[in-house]
Amino acid sequence: MRLWIAGIVVCAVLPSGTATAAPKLTPAEIQATFFDGAEFTAATSSGIKFKMTFTADGKVRRIPAGNGGARSAGVWKLDENGYCTTWKGGKPNCFTVVAADKNKWSIMKGPAVIATWSK
């Protein structure tokens, strides 16, 4: 009986359908927020930090902001789900951007968070 009552209380406190996913930025929102030539910070899931700059002409660069990581340059483009980058000597990779906190965004490759961007 106690278990049944506890289930009713949980259902009353947590209505069905309340689990909301963090909002995914549209390609236009990604471009307006990040691809304007202004530098911002990116931290990989392993803790390596970079200063990133995406310019309006489709170029991207990253500069290590501490120990680890390598300086690199490449190109970016928007796609229907987010954006794609191709770093010098690399293959294209595509990502989505999800709002994580105030002035923080998660960079997603499928279901995995691969980096956090902050401004």
PDB file of N, CA and C in Angstrom:
ATOM      1  N   MET A   1       0.817  -1.192   0.000  1.00  0.00           N
ATOM      2  CA  MET A   1       0.000   0.000   0.000  1.00  0.00           C
ATOM      3  C   MET A   1       0.865   1.263   0.000  1.00  0.00           C
ATOM      4  N   ARG A   2       1.955   1.263   0.798  1.00  0.00           N
ATOM      5  CA  ARG A   2       2.825   2.442   0.845  1.00  0.00           C
ATOM      6  C   ARG A   2       3.464   2.705  -0.520  1.00  0.00           C
ATOM      7  N   LEU A   3       3.886   1.652  -1.189  1.00  0.00           N
ATOM      8  CA  LEU A   3       4.490   1.803  -2.502  1.00  0.00           C
ATOM      9  C   LEU A   3       3.495   2.411  -3.486  1.00  0.00           C
ATOM     10  N   TRP A   4       2.267   1.969  -3.448  1.00  0.00           N
ATOM     11  CA  TRP A   4       1.234   2.502  -4.324  1.00  0.00           C
ATOM     12  C   TRP A   4       0.995   3.981  -4.046  1.00  0.00           C
ATOM     13  N   ILE A   5       0.942   4.371  -2.768  1.00  0.00           N
ATOM     14  CA  ILE A   5       0.743   5.780  -2.390  1.00  0.00           C
ATOM     15  C   ILE A   5       1.946   6.606  -2.841  1.00  0.00           C
ATOM     16  N   ALA A   6       3.155   6.088  -2.658  1.00  0.00           N
ATOM     17  CA  ALA A   6       4.343   6.809  -3.099  1.00  0.00           C
ATOM     18  C   ALA A   6       4.287   7.043  -4.603  1.00  0.00           C
ATOM     19  N   GLY A   7       3.808   6.065  -5.371  1.00  0.00           N
ATOM     20  CA  GLY A   7       3.674   6.223  -6.816  1.00  0.00           C
ATOM     21  C   GLY A   7       2.707   7.321  -7.181  1.00  0.00           C
ATOM     22  N   ILE A   8       1.616   7.434  -6.430  1.00  0.00           N
ATOM     23  CA  ILE A   8       0.646   8.502  -6.684  1.00  0.00           C
ATOM     24  C   ILE A   8       1.267   9.860  -6.405  1.00  0.00           C
ATOM     25  N   VAL A   9       2.026   9.977  -5.318  1.00  0.00           N
ATOM     26  CA  VAL A   9       2.668  11.246  -4.973  1.00  0.00           C
ATOM     27  C   VAL A   9       3.661  11.641  -6.052  1.00  0.00           C
ATOM     28  N   VAL A  10       4.477  10.693  -6.511  1.00  0.00           N
ATOM     29  CA  VAL A  10       5.448  10.996  -7.560  1.00  0.00           C
ATOM     30  C   VAL A  10       4.736  11.442  -8.828  1.00  0.00           C
ATOM     31  N   CYS A  11       3.661  10.749  -9.193  1.00  0.00           N
ATOM     32  CA  CYS A  11       2.912  11.133 -10.397  1.00  0.00           C
ATOM     33  C   CYS A  11       2.282  12.503 -10.239  1.00  0.00           C
ATOM     34  N   ALA A  12       1.845  12.842  -9.039  1.00  0.00           N
ATOM     35  CA  ALA A  12       1.234  14.150  -8.815  1.00  0.00           C
ATOM     36  C   ALA A  12       2.270  15.259  -8.880  1.00  0.00           C
ATOM     37  N   VAL A  13       3.492  14.969  -8.414  1.00  0.00           N
ATOM     38  CA  VAL A  13       4.546  15.976  -8.404  1.00  0.00           C
ATOM     39  C   VAL A  13       5.193  16.117  -9.775  1.00  0.00           C
ATOM     40  N   LEU A  14       5.330  15.024 -10.513  1.00  0.00           N
ATOM     41  CA  LEU A  14       5.969  15.034 -11.820  1.00  0.00           C
ATOM     42  C   LEU A  14       4.962  14.651 -12.892  1.00  0.00           C
ATOM     43  N   PRO A  15       4.235  15.610 -13.411  1.00  0.00           N
ATOM     44  CA  PRO A  15       3.265  15.290 -14.455  1.00  0.00           C
ATOM     45  C   PRO A  15       3.951  14.681 -15.667  1.00  0.00           C
ATOM     46  N   SER A  16       3.222  13.830 -16.363  1.00  0.00           N
ATOM     47  CA  SER A  16       3.808  13.183 -17.538  1.00  0.00           C
ATOM     48  C   SER A  16       4.168  14.233 -18.579  1.00  0.00           C
ATOM     49  N   GLY A  17       5.266  13.973 -19.273  1.00  0.00           N
ATOM     50  CA  GLY A  17       5.695  14.870 -20.338  1.00  0.00           C
ATOM     51  C   GLY A  17       6.455  16.091 -19.853  1.00  0.00           C
ATOM     52  N   THR A  18       6.851  16.139 -18.576  1.00  0.00           N
ATOM     53  CA  THR A  18       7.561  17.316 -18.096  1.00  0.00           C
ATOM     54  C   THR A  18       9.046  17.269 -18.385  1.00  0.00           C
ATOM     55  N   ALA A  19       9.572  16.126 -18.727  1.00  0.00           N
ATOM     56  CA  ALA A  19      10.988  16.047 -19.037  1.00  0.00           C
ATOM     57  C   ALA A  19      11.219  16.772 -20.359  1.00  0.00           C
ATOM     58  N   THR A  20      11.906  17.880 -20.306  1.00  0.00           N
ATOM     59  CA  THR A  20      12.142  18.659 -21.518  1.00  0.00           C
ATOM     60  C   THR A  20      13.613  18.612 -21.877  1.00  0.00           C
ATOM     61  N   ALA A  21      13.887  18.464 -23.126  1.00  0.00           N
ATOM     62  CA  ALA A  21      15.256  18.483 -23.601  1.00  0.00           C
ATOM     63  C   ALA A  21      15.719  19.928 -23.687  1.00  0.00           C
ATOM     64  N   ALA A  22      17.006  20.126 -23.500  1.00  0.00           N
ATOM     65  CA  ALA A  22      17.561  21.464 -23.643  1.00  0.00           C
ATOM     66  C   ALA A  22      17.352  21.916 -25.084  1.00  0.00           C
ATOM     67  N   PRO A  23      17.100  23.211 -25.272  1.00  0.00           N
ATOM     68  CA  PRO A  23      16.828  23.679 -26.634  1.00  0.00           C
ATOM     69  C   PRO A  23      18.048  23.601 -27.552  1.00  0.00           C
ATOM     70  N   LYS A  24      17.838  22.987 -28.701  1.00  0.00           N
ATOM     71  CA  LYS A  24      18.871  22.888 -29.731  1.00  0.00           C
ATOM     72  C   LYS A  24      18.820  24.158 -30.565  1.00  0.00           C
ATOM     73  N   LEU A  25      19.978  24.761 -30.811  1.00  0.00           N
ATOM     74  CA  LEU A  25      20.034  25.957 -31.631  1.00  0.00           C
ATOM     75  C   LEU A  25      19.824  25.591 -33.099  1.00  0.00           C
ATOM     76  N   THR A  26      19.104  26.440 -33.789  1.00  0.00           N
ATOM     77  CA  THR A  26      18.947  26.274 -35.229  1.00  0.00           C
ATOM     78  C   THR A  26      20.248  26.697 -35.913  1.00  0.00           C
ATOM     79  N   PRO A  27      20.452  26.290 -37.154  1.00  0.00           N
ATOM     80  CA  PRO A  27      21.647  26.756 -37.859  1.00  0.00           C
ATOM     81  C   PRO A  27      21.759  28.285 -37.882  1.00  0.00           C
ATOM     82  N   ALA A  28      20.655  28.974 -38.072  1.00  0.00           N
ATOM     83  CA  ALA A  28      20.686  30.448 -38.083  1.00  0.00           C
ATOM     84  C   ALA A  28      21.089  31.006 -36.712  1.00  0.00           C
ATOM     85  N   GLU A  29      20.623  30.381 -35.639  1.00  0.00           N
ATOM     86  CA  GLU A  29      21.002  30.823 -34.285  1.00  0.00           C
ATOM     87  C   GLU A  29      22.480  30.562 -34.019  1.00  0.00           C
ATOM     88  N   ILE A  30      22.996  29.440 -34.500  1.00  0.00           N
ATOM     89  CA  ILE A  30      24.424  29.140 -34.348  1.00  0.00           C
ATOM     90  C   ILE A  30      25.244  30.213 -35.051  1.00  0.00           C
ATOM     91  N   GLN A  31      24.860  30.524 -36.283  1.00  0.00           N
ATOM     92  CA  GLN A  31      25.596  31.530 -37.048  1.00  0.00           C
ATOM     93  C   GLN A  31      25.548  32.892 -36.363  1.00  0.00           C
ATOM     94  N   ALA A  32      24.385  33.304 -35.895  1.00  0.00           N
ATOM     95  CA  ALA A  32      24.248  34.613 -35.260  1.00  0.00           C
ATOM     96  C   ALA A  32      24.990  34.684 -33.924  1.00  0.00           C
ATOM     97  N   THR A  33      25.036  33.590 -33.203  1.00  0.00           N
ATOM     98  CA  THR A  33      25.644  33.585 -31.870  1.00  0.00           C
ATOM     99  C   THR A  33      27.153  33.403 -31.902  1.00  0.00           C
ATOM    100  N   PHE A  34      27.664  32.574 -32.811  1.00  0.00           N
ATOM    101  CA  PHE A  34      29.072  32.206 -32.777  1.00  0.00           C
ATOM    102  C   PHE A  34      29.874  32.539 -34.022  1.00  0.00           C
ATOM    103  N   PHE A  35      29.261  32.573 -35.186  1.00  0.00           N
ATOM    104  CA  PHE A  35      30.018  32.674 -36.424  1.00  0.00           C
ATOM    105  C   PHE A  35      30.088  34.109 -36.926  1.00  0.00           C
ATOM    106  N   ASP A  36      30.448  35.011 -36.009  1.00  0.00           N
ATOM    107  CA  ASP A  36      30.477  36.448 -36.294  1.00  0.00           C
ATOM    108  C   ASP A  36      31.874  37.051 -36.185  1.00  0.00           C
ATOM    109  N   GLY A  37      32.898  36.203 -36.059  1.00  0.00           N
ATOM    110  CA  GLY A  37      34.263  36.695 -35.957  1.00  0.00           C
ATOM    111  C   GLY A  37      34.718  37.004 -34.538  1.00  0.00           C
ATOM    112  N   ALA A  38      33.819  36.907 -33.553  1.00  0.00           N
ATOM    113  CA  ALA A  38      34.186  37.166 -32.164  1.00  0.00           C
ATOM    114  C   ALA A  38      34.757  35.887 -31.533  1.00  0.00           C
ATOM    115  N   GLU A  39      35.822  36.048 -30.777  1.00  0.00           N
ATOM    116  CA  GLU A  39      36.473  34.919 -30.126  1.00  0.00           C
ATOM    117  C   GLU A  39      35.654  34.446 -28.921  1.00  0.00           C
ATOM    118  N   PHE A  40      35.620  33.139 -28.711  1.00  0.00           N
ATOM    119  CA  PHE A  40      34.971  32.555 -27.534  1.00  0.00           C
ATOM    120  C   PHE A  40      35.794  31.358 -27.079  1.00  0.00           C
ATOM    121  N   THR A  41      35.448  30.804 -25.923  1.00  0.00           N
ATOM    122  CA  THR A  41      36.197  29.690 -25.347  1.00  0.00           C
ATOM    123  C   THR A  41      35.499  28.372 -25.620  1.00  0.00           C
ATOM    124  N   ALA A  42      36.291  27.372 -25.980  1.00  0.00           N
ATOM    125  CA  ALA A  42      35.800  26.014 -26.155  1.00  0.00           C
ATOM    126  C   ALA A  42      36.624  25.111 -25.250  1.00  0.00           C
ATOM    127  N   ALA A  43      35.953  24.195 -24.562  1.00  0.00           N
ATOM    128  CA  ALA A  43      36.644  23.211 -23.726  1.00  0.00           C
ATOM    129  C   ALA A  43      36.193  21.829 -24.163  1.00  0.00           C
ATOM    130  N   THR A  44      37.152  20.960 -24.466  1.00  0.00           N
ATOM    131  CA  THR A  44      36.816  19.604 -24.874  1.00  0.00           C
ATOM    132  C   THR A  44      36.348  18.814 -23.655  1.00  0.00           C
ATOM    133  N   SER A  45      35.758  17.663 -23.899  1.00  0.00           N
ATOM    134  CA  SER A  45      35.306  16.819 -22.794  1.00  0.00           C
ATOM    135  C   SER A  45      36.482  16.310 -21.962  1.00  0.00           C
ATOM    136  N   SER A  46      37.691  16.347 -22.516  1.00  0.00           N
ATOM    137  CA  SER A  46      38.875  15.947 -21.752  1.00  0.00           C
ATOM    138  C   SER A  46      39.554  17.135 -21.061  1.00  0.00           C
ATOM    139  N   GLY A  47      38.955  18.324 -21.163  1.00  0.00           N
ATOM    140  CA  GLY A  47      39.455  19.485 -20.430  1.00  0.00           C
ATOM    141  C   GLY A  47      40.423  20.385 -21.166  1.00  0.00           C
ATOM    142  N   ILE A  48      40.713  20.128 -22.425  1.00  0.00           N
ATOM    143  CA  ILE A  48      41.607  20.989 -23.197  1.00  0.00           C
ATOM    144  C   ILE A  48      40.813  22.217 -23.646  1.00  0.00           C
ATOM    145  N   LYS A  49      41.378  23.410 -23.423  1.00  0.00           N
ATOM    146  CA  LYS A  49      40.689  24.653 -23.770  1.00  0.00           C
ATOM    147  C   LYS A  49      41.320  25.317 -24.981  1.00  0.00           C
ATOM    148  N   PHE A  50      40.446  25.928 -25.776  1.00  0.00           N
ATOM    149  CA  PHE A  50      40.854  26.653 -26.970  1.00  0.00           C
ATOM    150  C   PHE A  50      40.139  27.989 -27.012  1.00  0.00           C
ATOM    151  N   LYS A  51      40.746  28.949 -27.691  1.00  0.00           N
ATOM    152  CA  LYS A  51      40.073  30.166 -28.119  1.00  0.00           C
ATOM    153  C   LYS A  51      39.677  29.904 -29.564  1.00  0.00           C
ATOM    154  N   MET A  52      38.373  30.030 -29.835  1.00  0.00           N
ATOM    155  CA  MET A  52      37.840  29.715 -31.163  1.00  0.00           C
ATOM    156  C   MET A  52      37.337  30.984 -31.831  1.00  0.00           C
ATOM    157  N   THR A  53      37.513  31.043 -33.137  1.00  0.00           N
ATOM    158  CA  THR A  53      36.963  32.138 -33.933  1.00  0.00           C
ATOM    159  C   THR A  53      36.409  31.561 -35.231  1.00  0.00           C
ATOM    160  N   PHE A  54      35.120  31.796 -35.462  1.00  0.00           N
ATOM    161  CA  PHE A  54      34.453  31.442 -36.714  1.00  0.00           C
ATOM    162  C   PHE A  54      34.130  32.754 -37.419  1.00  0.00           C
ATOM    163  N   THR A  55      34.651  32.960 -38.615  1.00  0.00           N
ATOM    164  CA  THR A  55      34.390  34.207 -39.327  1.00  0.00           C
ATOM    165  C   THR A  55      33.256  34.028 -40.335  1.00  0.00           C
ATOM    166  N   ALA A  56      32.645  35.128 -40.692  1.00  0.00           N
ATOM    167  CA  ALA A  56      31.484  35.107 -41.586  1.00  0.00           C
ATOM    168  C   ALA A  56      31.808  34.541 -42.963  1.00  0.00           C
ATOM    169  N   ASP A  57      33.087  34.566 -43.353  1.00  0.00           N
ATOM    170  CA  ASP A  57      33.461  34.060 -44.679  1.00  0.00           C
ATOM    171  C   ASP A  57      33.711  32.546 -44.698  1.00  0.00           C
ATOM    172  N   GLY A  58      33.341  31.833 -43.614  1.00  0.00           N
ATOM    173  CA  GLY A  58      33.434  30.381 -43.592  1.00  0.00           C
ATOM    174  C   GLY A  58      34.740  29.812 -43.069  1.00  0.00           C
ATOM    175  N   LYS A  59      35.560  30.642 -42.428  1.00  0.00           N
ATOM    176  CA  LYS A  59      36.825  30.156 -41.883  1.00  0.00           C
ATOM    177  C   LYS A  59      36.719  30.008 -40.361  1.00  0.00           C
ATOM    178  N   VAL A  60      37.482  29.057 -39.830  1.00  0.00           N
ATOM    179  CA  VAL A  60      37.521  28.813 -38.392  1.00  0.00           C
ATOM    180  C   VAL A  60      38.975  28.618 -37.970  1.00  0.00           C
ATOM    181  N   ARG A  61      39.290  29.099 -36.762  1.00  0.00           N
ATOM    182  CA  ARG A  61      40.619  28.834 -36.218  1.00  0.00           C
ATOM    183  C   ARG A  61      40.476  28.556 -34.733  1.00  0.00           C
ATOM    184  N   ARG A  62      41.415  27.766 -34.233  1.00  0.00           N
ATOM    185  CA  ARG A  62      41.460  27.490 -32.802  1.00  0.00           C
ATOM    186  C   ARG A  62      42.900  27.637 -32.329  1.00  0.00           C
ATOM    187  N   ILE A  63      43.029  28.241 -31.153  1.00  0.00           N
ATOM    188  CA  ILE A  63      44.334  28.465 -30.552  1.00  0.00           C
ATOM    189  C   ILE A  63      44.269  27.897 -29.137  1.00  0.00           C
ATOM    190  N   PRO A  64      45.214  27.018 -28.762  1.00  0.00           N
ATOM    191  CA  PRO A  64      45.188  26.480 -27.408  1.00  0.00           C
ATOM    192  C   PRO A  64      45.214  27.594 -26.363  1.00  0.00           C
ATOM    193  N   ALA A  65      44.436  27.431 -25.312  1.00  0.00           N
ATOM    194  CA  ALA A  65      44.369  28.415 -24.226  1.00  0.00           C
ATOM    195  C   ALA A  65      44.871  27.749 -22.949  1.00  0.00           C
ATOM    196  N   GLY A  66      46.033  27.141 -23.036  1.00  0.00           N
ATOM    197  CA  GLY A  66      46.600  26.423 -21.896  1.00  0.00           C
ATOM    198  C   GLY A  66      47.423  25.262 -22.403  1.00  0.00           C
ATOM    199  N   ASN A  67      47.602  24.277 -21.555  1.00  0.00           N
ATOM    200  CA  ASN A  67      48.384  23.100 -21.926  1.00  0.00           C
ATOM    201  C   ASN A  67      47.560  22.158 -22.787  1.00  0.00           C
ATOM    202  N   GLY A  68      48.221  21.553 -23.748  1.00  0.00           N
ATOM    203  CA  GLY A  68      47.555  20.588 -24.615  1.00  0.00           C
ATOM    204  C   GLY A  68      46.889  21.258 -25.795  1.00  0.00           C
ATOM    205  N   GLY A  69      46.469  20.446 -26.708  1.00  0.00           N
ATOM    206  CA  GLY A  69      45.791  20.951 -27.893  1.00  0.00           C
ATOM    207  C   GLY A  69      46.762  21.489 -28.924  1.00  0.00           C
ATOM    208  N   ALA A  70      46.288  21.622 -30.129  1.00  0.00           N
ATOM    209  CA  ALA A  70      47.113  22.114 -31.225  1.00  0.00           C
ATOM    210  C   ALA A  70      46.387  23.241 -31.944  1.00  0.00           C
ATOM    211  N   ARG A  71      47.147  24.211 -32.358  1.00  0.00           N
ATOM    212  CA  ARG A  71      46.615  25.301 -33.167  1.00  0.00           C
ATOM    213  C   ARG A  71      46.193  24.717 -34.508  1.00  0.00           C
ATOM    214  N   SER A  72      45.058  25.177 -35.017  1.00  0.00           N
ATOM    215  CA  SER A  72      44.597  24.666 -36.299  1.00  0.00           C
ATOM    216  C   SER A  72      43.671  25.678 -36.962  1.00  0.00           C
ATOM    217  N   ALA A  73      43.479  25.471 -38.251  1.00  0.00           N
ATOM    218  CA  ALA A  73      42.561  26.307 -39.025  1.00  0.00           C
ATOM    219  C   ALA A  73      41.775  25.394 -39.949  1.00  0.00           C
ATOM    220  N   GLY A  74      40.623  25.883 -40.357  1.00  0.00           N
ATOM    221  CA  GLY A  74      39.789  25.102 -41.252  1.00  0.00           C
ATOM    222  C   GLY A  74      38.646  25.933 -41.780  1.00  0.00           C
ATOM    223  N   VAL A  75      37.599  25.233 -42.185  1.00  0.00           N
ATOM    224  CA  VAL A  75      36.410  25.890 -42.718  1.00  0.00           C
ATOM    225  C   VAL A  75      35.175  25.344 -42.017  1.00  0.00           C
ATOM    226  N   TRP A  76      34.115  26.140 -42.045  1.00  0.00           N
ATOM    227  CA  TRP A  76      32.836  25.723 -41.472  1.00  0.00           C
ATOM    228  C   TRP A  76      31.733  25.974 -42.484  1.00  0.00           C
ATOM    229  N   LYS A  77      30.626  25.252 -42.290  1.00  0.00           N
ATOM    230  CA  LYS A  77      29.405  25.505 -43.059  1.00  0.00           C
ATOM    231  C   LYS A  77      28.225  25.053 -42.200  1.00  0.00           C
ATOM    232  N   LEU A  78      27.102  25.643 -42.444  1.00  0.00           N
ATOM    233  CA  LEU A  78      25.876  25.234 -41.761  1.00  0.00           C
ATOM    234  C   LEU A  78      25.293  24.036 -42.490  1.00  0.00           C
ATOM    235  N   ASP A  79      24.588  23.178 -41.752  1.00  0.00           N
ATOM    236  CA  ASP A  79      23.805  22.130 -42.384  1.00  0.00           C
ATOM    237  C   ASP A  79      22.407  22.146 -41.767  1.00  0.00           C
ATOM    238  N   GLU A  80      21.566  21.221 -42.139  1.00  0.00           N
ATOM    239  CA  GLU A  80      20.165  21.274 -41.689  1.00  0.00           C
ATOM    240  C   GLU A  80      19.997  21.064 -40.181  1.00  0.00           C
ATOM    241  N   ASN A  81      20.977  20.459 -39.511  1.00  0.00           N
ATOM    242  CA  ASN A  81      20.873  20.184 -38.081  1.00  0.00           C
ATOM    243  C   ASN A  81      21.758  21.049 -37.206  1.00  0.00           C
ATOM    244  N   GLY A  82      22.728  21.708 -37.795  1.00  0.00           N
ATOM    245  CA  GLY A  82      23.677  22.494 -37.017  1.00  0.00           C
ATOM    246  C   GLY A  82      24.768  23.040 -37.904  1.00  0.00           C
ATOM    247  N   TYR A  83      25.995  22.546 -37.686  1.00  0.00           N
ATOM    248  CA  TYR A  83      27.112  23.025 -38.494  1.00  0.00           C
ATOM    249  C   TYR A  83      28.131  21.906 -38.672  1.00  0.00           C
ATOM    250  N   CYS A  84      29.019  22.102 -39.646  1.00  0.00           N
ATOM    251  CA  CYS A  84      30.088  21.143 -39.924  1.00  0.00           C
ATOM    252  C   CYS A  84      31.403  21.904 -40.008  1.00  0.00           C
ATOM    253  N   THR A  85      32.476  21.267 -39.563  1.00  0.00           N
ATOM    254  CA  THR A  85      33.813  21.834 -39.716  1.00  0.00           C
ATOM    255  C   THR A  85      34.701  20.830 -40.424  1.00  0.00           C
ATOM    256  N   THR A  86      35.668  21.368 -41.160  1.00  0.00           N
ATOM    257  CA  THR A  86      36.725  20.562 -41.747  1.00  0.00           C
ATOM    258  C   THR A  86      38.028  21.258 -41.392  1.00  0.00           C
ATOM    259  N   TRP A  87      38.816  20.614 -40.520  1.00  0.00           N
ATOM    260  CA  TRP A  87      40.103  21.171 -40.107  1.00  0.00           C
ATOM    261  C   TRP A  87      41.159  20.790 -41.133  1.00  0.00           C
ATOM    262  N   LYS A  88      42.177  21.611 -41.286  1.00  0.00           N
ATOM    263  CA  LYS A  88      43.242  21.368 -42.253  1.00  0.00           C
ATOM    264  C   LYS A  88      43.755  19.939 -42.108  1.00  0.00           C
ATOM    265  N   GLY A  89      43.724  19.202 -43.215  1.00  0.00           N
ATOM    266  CA  GLY A  89      44.189  17.826 -43.230  1.00  0.00           C
ATOM    267  C   GLY A  89      43.209  16.825 -42.658  1.00  0.00           C
ATOM    268  N   GLY A  90      41.990  17.269 -42.317  1.00  0.00           N
ATOM    269  CA  GLY A  90      41.012  16.373 -41.713  1.00  0.00           C
ATOM    270  C   GLY A  90      39.784  16.164 -42.576  1.00  0.00           C
ATOM    271  N   LYS A  91      38.887  15.353 -42.067  1.00  0.00           N
ATOM    272  CA  LYS A  91      37.622  15.079 -42.733  1.00  0.00           C
ATOM    273  C   LYS A  91      36.528  15.936 -42.113  1.00  0.00           C
ATOM    274  N   PRO A  92      35.442  16.190 -42.839  1.00  0.00           N
ATOM    275  CA  PRO A  92      34.334  16.974 -42.274  1.00  0.00           C
ATOM    276  C   PRO A  92      33.672  16.234 -41.107  1.00  0.00           C
ATOM    277  N   ASN A  93      33.280  16.997 -40.103  1.00  0.00           N
ATOM    278  CA  ASN A  93      32.508  16.495 -38.971  1.00  0.00           C
ATOM    279  C   ASN A  93      31.367  17.460 -38.715  1.00  0.00           C
ATOM    280  N   CYS A  94      30.197  16.929 -38.411  1.00  0.00           N
ATOM    281  CA  CYS A  94      29.024  17.769 -38.193  1.00  0.00           C
ATOM    282  C   CYS A  94      28.534  17.641 -36.752  1.00  0.00           C
ATOM    283  N   PHE A  95      27.963  18.735 -36.242  1.00  0.00           N
ATOM    284  CA  PHE A  95      27.592  18.835 -34.840  1.00  0.00           C
ATOM    285  C   PHE A  95      26.275  19.582 -34.680  1.00  0.00           C
ATOM    286  N   THR A  96      25.664  19.394 -33.535  1.00  0.00           N
ATOM    287  CA  THR A  96      24.541  20.227 -33.122  1.00  0.00           C
ATOM    288  C   THR A  96      24.992  21.005 -31.894  1.00  0.00           C
ATOM    289  N   VAL A  97      24.295  22.096 -31.615  1.00  0.00           N
ATOM    290  CA  VAL A  97      24.613  22.950 -30.475  1.00  0.00           C
ATOM    291  C   VAL A  97      23.369  23.029 -29.602  1.00  0.00           C
ATOM    292  N   VAL A  98      23.545  22.739 -28.312  1.00  0.00           N
ATOM    293  CA  VAL A  98      22.431  22.706 -27.372  1.00  0.00           C
ATOM    294  C   VAL A  98      22.724  23.668 -26.231  1.00  0.00           C
ATOM    295  N   ALA A  99      21.769  24.512 -25.895  1.00  0.00           N
ATOM    296  CA  ALA A  99      21.926  25.419 -24.755  1.00  0.00           C
ATOM    297  C   ALA A  99      22.097  24.578 -23.491  1.00  0.00           C
ATOM    298  N   ALA A 100      23.143  24.896 -22.689  1.00  0.00           N
ATOM    299  CA  ALA A 100      23.427  24.118 -21.482  1.00  0.00           C
ATOM    300  C   ALA A 100      23.192  24.926 -20.212  1.00  0.00           C
ATOM    301  N   ASP A 101      23.528  26.197 -20.233  1.00  0.00           N
ATOM    302  CA  ASP A 101      23.407  27.074 -19.075  1.00  0.00           C
ATOM    303  C   ASP A 101      23.533  28.502 -19.598  1.00  0.00           C
ATOM    304  N   LYS A 102      23.456  29.455 -18.710  1.00  0.00           N
ATOM    305  CA  LYS A 102      23.605  30.837 -19.153  1.00  0.00           C
ATOM    306  C   LYS A 102      25.008  31.011 -19.749  1.00  0.00           C
ATOM    307  N   ASN A 103      25.068  31.418 -20.984  1.00  0.00           N
ATOM    308  CA  ASN A 103      26.312  31.641 -21.723  1.00  0.00           C
ATOM    309  C   ASN A 103      27.170  30.394 -21.883  1.00  0.00           C
ATOM    310  N   LYS A 104      26.546  29.207 -21.873  1.00  0.00           N
ATOM    311  CA  LYS A 104      27.247  27.939 -22.109  1.00  0.00           C
ATOM    312  C   LYS A 104      26.404  27.064 -23.025  1.00  0.00           C
ATOM    313  N   TRP A 105      27.078  26.403 -23.958  1.00  0.00           N
ATOM    314  CA  TRP A 105      26.413  25.543 -24.925  1.00  0.00           C
ATOM    315  C   TRP A 105      27.183  24.232 -25.044  1.00  0.00           C
ATOM    316  N   SER A 106      26.465  23.138 -25.196  1.00  0.00           N
ATOM    317  CA  SER A 106      27.073  21.829 -25.409  1.00  0.00           C
ATOM    318  C   SER A 106      27.159  21.565 -26.904  1.00  0.00           C
ATOM    319  N   ILE A 107      28.319  21.117 -27.339  1.00  0.00           N
ATOM    320  CA  ILE A 107      28.525  20.758 -28.733  1.00  0.00           C
ATOM    321  C   ILE A 107      28.385  19.243 -28.807  1.00  0.00           C
ATOM    322  N   MET A 108      27.406  18.805 -29.582  1.00  0.00           N
ATOM    323  CA  MET A 108      27.014  17.397 -29.613  1.00  0.00           C
ATOM    324  C   MET A 108      27.412  16.736 -30.925  1.00  0.00           C
ATOM    325  N   LYS A 109      27.959  15.543 -30.802  1.00  0.00           N
ATOM    326  CA  LYS A 109      28.210  14.665 -31.958  1.00  0.00           C
ATOM    327  C   LYS A 109      27.327  13.455 -31.689  1.00  0.00           C
ATOM    328  N   GLY A 110      26.144  13.429 -32.311  1.00  0.00           N
ATOM    329  CA  GLY A 110      25.154  12.420 -31.953  1.00  0.00           C
ATOM    330  C   GLY A 110      24.707  12.676 -30.525  1.00  0.00           C
ATOM    331  N   PRO A 111      24.671  11.644 -29.672  1.00  0.00           N
ATOM    332  CA  PRO A 111      24.235  11.837 -28.292  1.00  0.00           C
ATOM    333  C   PRO A 111      25.358  12.271 -27.342  1.00  0.00           C
ATOM    334  N   ALA A 112      26.607  12.340 -27.834  1.00  0.00           N
ATOM    335  CA  ALA A 112      27.755  12.631 -26.975  1.00  0.00           C
ATOM    336  C   ALA A 112      28.108  14.117 -26.968  1.00  0.00           C
ATOM    337  N   VAL A 113      28.375  14.643 -25.783  1.00  0.00           N
ATOM    338  CA  VAL A 113      28.892  16.013 -25.649  1.00  0.00           C
ATOM    339  C   VAL A 113      30.388  15.933 -25.903  1.00  0.00           C
ATOM    340  N   ILE A 114      30.855  16.636 -26.923  1.00  0.00           N
ATOM    341  CA  ILE A 114      32.275  16.587 -27.225  1.00  0.00           C
ATOM    342  C   ILE A 114      33.008  17.859 -26.788  1.00  0.00           C
ATOM    343  N   ALA A 115      32.244  18.931 -26.530  1.00  0.00           N
ATOM    344  CA  ALA A 115      32.856  20.179 -26.087  1.00  0.00           C
ATOM    345  C   ALA A 115      31.798  21.068 -25.461  1.00  0.00           C
ATOM    346  N   THR A 116      32.277  22.070 -24.749  1.00  0.00           N
ATOM    347  CA  THR A 116      31.404  23.110 -24.193  1.00  0.00           C
ATOM    348  C   THR A 116      31.944  24.446 -24.668  1.00  0.00           C
ATOM    349  N   TRP A 117      31.066  25.248 -25.227  1.00  0.00           N
ATOM    350  CA  TRP A 117      31.432  26.599 -25.650  1.00  0.00           C
ATOM    351  C   TRP A 117      30.892  27.580 -24.638  1.00  0.00           C
ATOM    352  N   SER A 118      31.670  28.624 -24.363  1.00  0.00           N
ATOM    353  CA  SER A 118      31.197  29.662 -23.445  1.00  0.00           C
ATOM    354  C   SER A 118      31.611  31.031 -23.950  1.00  0.00           C
ATOM    355  N   LYS A 119      30.785  31.994 -23.582  1.00  0.00           N
ATOM    356  CA  LYS A 119      31.037  33.391 -23.958  1.00  0.00           C
ATOM    357  C   LYS A 119      31.022  34.226 -22.706  1.00  0.00           C
TER     358      LYS A 119
END
